[in-house]
Amino acid sequence: MASTTGQPAQGGSQAPLQSGYTSNDEYTIKSDVLRNSRFEILYMPARARAEVPRLILEYVGADYKSIEPVNWAEEKKGTPFGLLPILTHYKPDGKSVRVAEGPALTRYIARLFNLSGNNLEEEAFLDSCYQCAFDNVFSTLLIHMWLKPNPKDKATIDAAFAKLAPFFDCFERLLVQNGSNGYLLHDKTTYAEFPWFEWVDFFYSDFHEQAPMIASESVRPTTYRLFKRLRSNPRIQAYINGGRWKYRPA
C-alpha cells in the first residue's frame, strides 16, 4: 500500500504528549479519495465484533457511521453470509465496496489506511497477533466464563482470567522483542494492536478487580504501555467517552 493513502504524521520527536500518547499517533489522511470516502458499519448496538474496526476508523479520523438493522430478519437476506458486522465503503466516484466478516473488513480498513505490514512476513506476523486476540481470547472467555452456570461468580471469573494469562504473556513477549516501545511492529500503529487494546479496555470497564492481573504498571507493563498509548489518543478518548452511539452512552 502506497504511503500516500494516509499515515501517521512524520517528523518530530516521539516524546509523550499525554499519558502514553506520542506524536507518532497523530494520524493524518493524505489521500483525497480516503478523505472524501464515507464508511458505514452495520452491526447490533454493541461493542463485540464491530468494535475493533470502529476504533480503527476513529483512530484515523475517517468519516463513518455506526448503524444497526431496522428489520434484521428481512435485511439479512441481502447480506453476503447472513451475519454481521458488514462494512460499506462509499467512494467519492459514486462506487461502493461491501465487506463482510469482522477480520476481513478490519484488514480491508487497515490496508486502506496503511495500518498493516510492509511485506508478506510482517503481514503474517500481524495477522497471527490479530487472530489470537480475535479467536483465542474470545473463545477462552466464552468457554471458561460466559457459558458457565454462574458467569458472574468471582471464582469463575478469576479462573477464566487465569486461562487468559498465557495469551497475554505471549503478546507481552512480542512487544518486548520490538523494543518495549508500546508498538507491535517498529514504531508504527497497526491494526493488530486494536483487539488487544479493546480487551484490556473492556476488562478495566467491566472487571475492575481482575483487569490489573492482565495489564498494569507492574503486570505486563509493555502491554499496559500500548493500552495507555491508544487510550490517551484524543480521537479514541472522545469516542470512548461516548454520546454518539447507543453502545457508548455519554
Protein backbone atom coordinates (compact mmCIF):
# COMPACT_ATOMS: atom_id res chain seq x y z
CA MET A 1 0.00 0.00 0.00
CA ALA A 2 1.49 3.34 -1.01
CA SER A 3 2.19 5.76 1.79
CA THR A 4 0.03 8.39 0.10
CA THR A 5 -3.10 6.58 1.28
CA GLY A 6 -2.56 8.05 4.71
CA GLN A 7 -0.20 7.51 7.60
CA PRO A 8 0.82 8.91 10.95
CA ALA A 9 2.39 12.33 10.62
CA GLN A 10 6.13 12.07 10.03
CA GLY A 11 8.88 14.07 11.67
CA GLY A 12 9.25 15.45 15.17
CA SER A 13 10.06 13.63 18.36
CA GLN A 14 8.17 10.77 19.94
CA ALA A 15 8.01 12.45 23.33
CA PRO A 16 4.73 11.74 25.13
CA LEU A 17 2.08 14.40 24.56
CA GLN A 18 -0.27 12.94 27.18
CA SER A 19 -0.23 9.74 29.21
CA GLY A 20 1.34 7.36 26.70
CA TYR A 21 0.27 9.37 23.64
CA THR A 22 3.04 10.15 21.16
CA SER A 23 3.39 12.28 18.04
CA ASN A 24 3.57 9.05 16.02
CA ASP A 25 -0.15 8.67 16.66
CA GLU A 26 -1.18 11.98 15.10
CA TYR A 27 -2.75 10.29 12.10
CA THR A 28 -3.49 12.37 9.00
CA ILE A 29 -5.40 11.07 5.97
CA LYS A 30 -3.37 12.19 2.97
CA SER A 31 -5.31 10.57 0.16
CA ASP A 32 -8.05 12.70 -1.42
CA VAL A 33 -10.00 9.52 -2.15
CA LEU A 34 -9.98 8.44 1.50
CA ARG A 35 -10.61 11.96 2.81
CA ASN A 36 -13.74 12.05 0.66
CA SER A 37 -14.83 8.48 1.36
CA ARG A 38 -17.63 7.54 3.73
CA PHE A 39 -17.92 4.31 5.70
CA GLU A 40 -20.79 2.54 7.42
CA ILE A 41 -20.55 -0.34 9.84
CA LEU A 42 -23.75 -2.34 10.16
CA TYR A 43 -23.99 -4.15 13.49
CA MET A 44 -26.18 -4.51 16.53
CA PRO A 45 -25.85 -1.71 19.15
CA ALA A 46 -22.99 -3.42 20.98
CA ARG A 47 -19.19 -3.38 21.03
CA ALA A 48 -18.38 -7.06 20.37
CA ARG A 49 -17.30 -8.00 16.84
CA ALA A 50 -17.60 -4.49 15.37
CA GLU A 51 -15.64 -2.54 17.96
CA VAL A 52 -12.15 -3.02 16.56
CA PRO A 53 -12.99 -1.68 13.07
CA ARG A 54 -14.84 1.21 14.71
CA LEU A 55 -11.79 2.01 16.83
CA ILE A 56 -9.54 1.97 13.76
CA LEU A 57 -11.86 4.32 11.86
CA GLU A 58 -11.87 6.62 14.89
CA TYR A 59 -8.08 6.50 15.12
CA VAL A 60 -7.57 7.58 11.51
CA GLY A 61 -10.33 10.21 11.63
CA ALA A 62 -12.42 8.66 8.85
CA ASP A 63 -15.95 9.80 8.02
CA TYR A 64 -18.08 6.90 9.19
CA LYS A 65 -21.36 5.95 10.83
CA SER A 66 -22.25 3.01 13.02
CA ILE A 67 -25.72 1.83 12.07
CA GLU A 68 -27.94 -1.03 13.20
CA PRO A 69 -30.51 -3.15 11.36
CA VAL A 70 -34.11 -1.95 11.29
CA ASN A 71 -35.63 -5.31 10.33
CA TRP A 72 -32.83 -7.85 10.57
CA ALA A 73 -34.98 -10.84 9.59
CA GLU A 74 -35.51 -9.23 6.19
CA GLU A 75 -32.22 -7.38 5.85
CA LYS A 76 -30.08 -10.46 6.44
CA LYS A 77 -31.40 -11.96 3.19
CA GLY A 78 -29.47 -9.31 1.28
CA THR A 79 -26.18 -9.80 3.11
CA PRO A 80 -23.29 -11.96 1.87
CA PHE A 81 -23.48 -14.58 4.65
CA GLY A 82 -26.43 -13.54 6.80
CA LEU A 83 -24.10 -12.36 9.55
CA LEU A 84 -22.84 -9.08 10.97
CA PRO A 85 -20.78 -6.91 11.01
CA ILE A 86 -20.75 -5.57 7.46
CA LEU A 87 -18.68 -2.62 6.25
CA THR A 88 -19.74 -0.44 3.32
CA HIS A 89 -17.14 1.87 1.81
CA TYR A 90 -18.73 4.68 -0.23
CA LYS A 91 -16.15 6.09 -2.62
CA PRO A 92 -16.21 9.66 -3.95
CA ASP A 93 -16.71 8.40 -7.54
CA GLY A 94 -20.11 7.00 -6.54
CA LYS A 95 -18.98 3.38 -6.36
CA SER A 96 -19.14 1.35 -3.17
CA VAL A 97 -17.49 -1.73 -1.69
CA ARG A 98 -19.21 -4.06 0.76
CA VAL A 99 -17.11 -6.29 3.01
CA ALA A 100 -18.50 -8.95 5.35
CA GLU A 101 -16.91 -10.75 8.31
CA GLY A 102 -15.08 -8.91 11.10
CA PRO A 103 -11.49 -9.99 10.33
CA ALA A 104 -11.89 -9.33 6.59
CA LEU A 105 -13.34 -5.85 6.97
CA THR A 106 -10.78 -4.98 9.66
CA ARG A 107 -7.93 -5.90 7.33
CA TYR A 108 -9.59 -4.02 4.47
CA ILE A 109 -9.63 -0.83 6.58
CA ALA A 110 -6.07 -1.45 7.76
CA ARG A 111 -4.75 -1.76 4.22
CA LEU A 112 -6.64 1.32 3.05
CA PHE A 113 -5.11 3.44 5.81
CA ASN A 114 -1.63 1.90 5.85
CA LEU A 115 -2.00 0.24 9.26
CA SER A 116 -0.82 -3.14 8.02
CA GLY A 117 2.62 -4.63 7.35
CA ASN A 118 5.10 -3.61 4.68
CA ASN A 119 5.76 -7.11 3.34
CA LEU A 120 4.43 -10.67 3.47
CA GLU A 121 6.35 -11.55 6.63
CA GLU A 122 5.05 -8.52 8.52
CA GLU A 123 1.51 -9.19 7.30
CA ALA A 124 1.70 -12.77 8.56
CA PHE A 125 3.02 -11.61 11.93
CA LEU A 126 0.24 -9.05 12.36
CA ASP A 127 -2.41 -11.50 11.17
CA SER A 128 -1.34 -14.01 13.81
CA CYS A 129 -1.43 -11.37 16.56
CA TYR A 130 -4.86 -10.20 15.47
CA GLN A 131 -6.30 -13.70 15.22
CA CYS A 132 -5.05 -14.68 18.67
CA ALA A 133 -6.96 -11.80 20.23
CA PHE A 134 -9.99 -12.26 17.98
CA ASP A 135 -10.29 -16.04 18.38
CA ASN A 136 -8.33 -17.34 21.36
CA VAL A 137 -9.10 -14.66 23.93
CA PHE A 138 -12.77 -14.64 22.96
CA SER A 139 -13.05 -18.44 22.99
CA THR A 140 -11.37 -18.66 26.38
CA LEU A 141 -13.83 -16.22 27.92
CA LEU A 142 -16.75 -17.95 26.21
CA ILE A 143 -15.81 -21.43 27.42
CA HIS A 144 -14.48 -20.62 30.86
CA MET A 145 -16.82 -17.80 31.89
CA TRP A 146 -19.78 -16.79 29.72
CA LEU A 147 -21.08 -20.35 29.18
CA LYS A 148 -20.64 -21.35 32.82
CA PRO A 149 -23.76 -21.76 35.01
CA ASN A 150 -22.70 -18.79 37.16
CA PRO A 151 -20.67 -16.50 34.88
CA LYS A 152 -20.72 -13.66 37.43
CA ASP A 153 -19.33 -15.78 40.24
CA LYS A 154 -15.95 -14.41 41.35
CA ALA A 155 -14.29 -17.83 41.34
CA THR A 156 -15.48 -18.41 37.77
CA ILE A 157 -14.21 -15.01 36.64
CA ASP A 158 -10.84 -15.47 38.35
CA ALA A 159 -10.42 -18.90 36.77
CA ALA A 160 -11.23 -17.54 33.32
CA PHE A 161 -8.71 -14.72 33.70
CA ALA A 162 -6.08 -17.22 34.76
CA LYS A 163 -6.71 -19.06 31.48
CA LEU A 164 -6.15 -15.80 29.59
CA ALA A 165 -2.72 -15.23 31.11
CA PRO A 166 -0.68 -17.34 28.62
CA PHE A 167 -2.04 -15.41 25.63
CA PHE A 168 -1.21 -12.06 27.20
CA ASP A 169 2.21 -13.40 28.22
CA CYS A 170 2.90 -14.15 24.56
CA PHE A 171 1.67 -10.72 23.49
CA GLU A 172 3.87 -9.05 26.11
CA ARG A 173 6.87 -11.01 24.87
CA LEU A 174 6.27 -9.85 21.29
CA LEU A 175 6.06 -6.23 22.43
CA VAL A 176 9.30 -6.58 24.39
CA GLN A 177 11.01 -8.11 21.36
CA ASN A 178 10.05 -4.97 19.44
CA GLY A 179 11.86 -2.80 21.98
CA SER A 180 9.20 -2.33 24.67
CA ASN A 181 8.11 0.87 22.93
CA GLY A 182 4.37 0.15 23.09
CA TYR A 183 4.14 -0.98 19.45
CA LEU A 184 3.99 -4.43 17.87
CA LEU A 185 5.89 -3.50 14.72
CA HIS A 186 8.66 -0.90 14.60
CA ASP A 187 7.18 2.38 15.90
CA LYS A 188 4.04 2.25 13.79
CA THR A 189 0.47 1.72 14.93
CA THR A 190 -1.02 -1.35 13.27
CA TYR A 191 -4.48 -2.87 13.17
CA ALA A 192 -3.35 -5.92 15.17
CA GLU A 193 -2.88 -3.78 18.29
CA PHE A 194 -6.52 -2.75 18.46
CA PRO A 195 -8.15 -6.05 19.53
CA TRP A 196 -5.67 -6.34 22.42
CA PHE A 197 -6.35 -2.74 23.36
CA GLU A 198 -10.10 -3.36 23.23
CA TRP A 199 -9.84 -6.40 25.51
CA VAL A 200 -7.84 -4.50 28.12
CA ASP A 201 -10.22 -1.54 27.91
CA PHE A 202 -13.19 -3.90 28.30
CA PHE A 203 -11.59 -5.56 31.32
CA TYR A 204 -10.96 -2.22 33.02
CA SER A 205 -14.54 -1.11 32.39
CA ASP A 206 -16.29 -4.37 33.38
CA PHE A 207 -13.84 -6.37 35.53
CA HIS A 208 -12.17 -3.82 37.78
CA GLU A 209 -10.65 -6.36 40.16
CA GLN A 210 -9.25 -8.71 37.52
CA ALA A 211 -8.06 -6.16 34.93
CA PRO A 212 -4.77 -5.35 36.72
CA MET A 213 -3.98 -9.09 36.62
CA ILE A 214 -3.87 -8.76 32.82
CA ALA A 215 -2.06 -5.44 32.32
CA SER A 216 -0.89 -2.73 34.68
CA GLU A 217 2.26 -0.79 35.55
CA SER A 218 3.62 -3.89 37.32
CA VAL A 219 1.98 -6.74 35.35
CA ARG A 220 2.85 -6.95 31.65
CA PRO A 221 3.90 -3.29 31.68
CA THR A 222 4.60 -3.14 27.95
CA THR A 223 1.06 -4.28 27.16
CA TYR A 224 -0.14 -1.62 29.57
CA ARG A 225 2.04 0.94 27.79
CA LEU A 226 0.35 0.09 24.48
CA PHE A 227 -3.03 0.35 26.20
CA LYS A 228 -2.23 3.79 27.64
CA ARG A 229 -0.89 5.00 24.30
CA LEU A 230 -4.10 4.22 22.45
CA ARG A 231 -6.41 5.06 25.36
CA SER A 232 -4.96 8.58 25.58
CA ASN A 233 -5.33 9.22 21.84
CA PRO A 234 -7.71 12.22 21.65
CA ARG A 235 -9.93 10.66 18.99
CA ILE A 236 -10.23 7.37 20.85
CA GLN A 237 -10.76 9.20 24.14
CA ALA A 238 -13.64 11.18 22.65
CA TYR A 239 -15.16 8.02 21.20
CA ILE A 240 -14.96 6.06 24.46
CA ASN A 241 -16.38 8.98 26.44
CA GLY A 242 -19.48 8.40 24.37
CA GLY A 243 -22.59 10.19 23.36
CA ARG A 244 -22.76 9.30 19.67
CA TRP A 245 -23.81 5.66 19.66
CA LYS A 246 -26.19 3.64 21.84
CA TYR A 247 -23.46 1.23 22.91
CA ARG A 248 -21.23 4.14 24.01
CA PRO A 249 -23.51 6.30 26.18
CA ALA A 250 -22.19 9.60 27.48
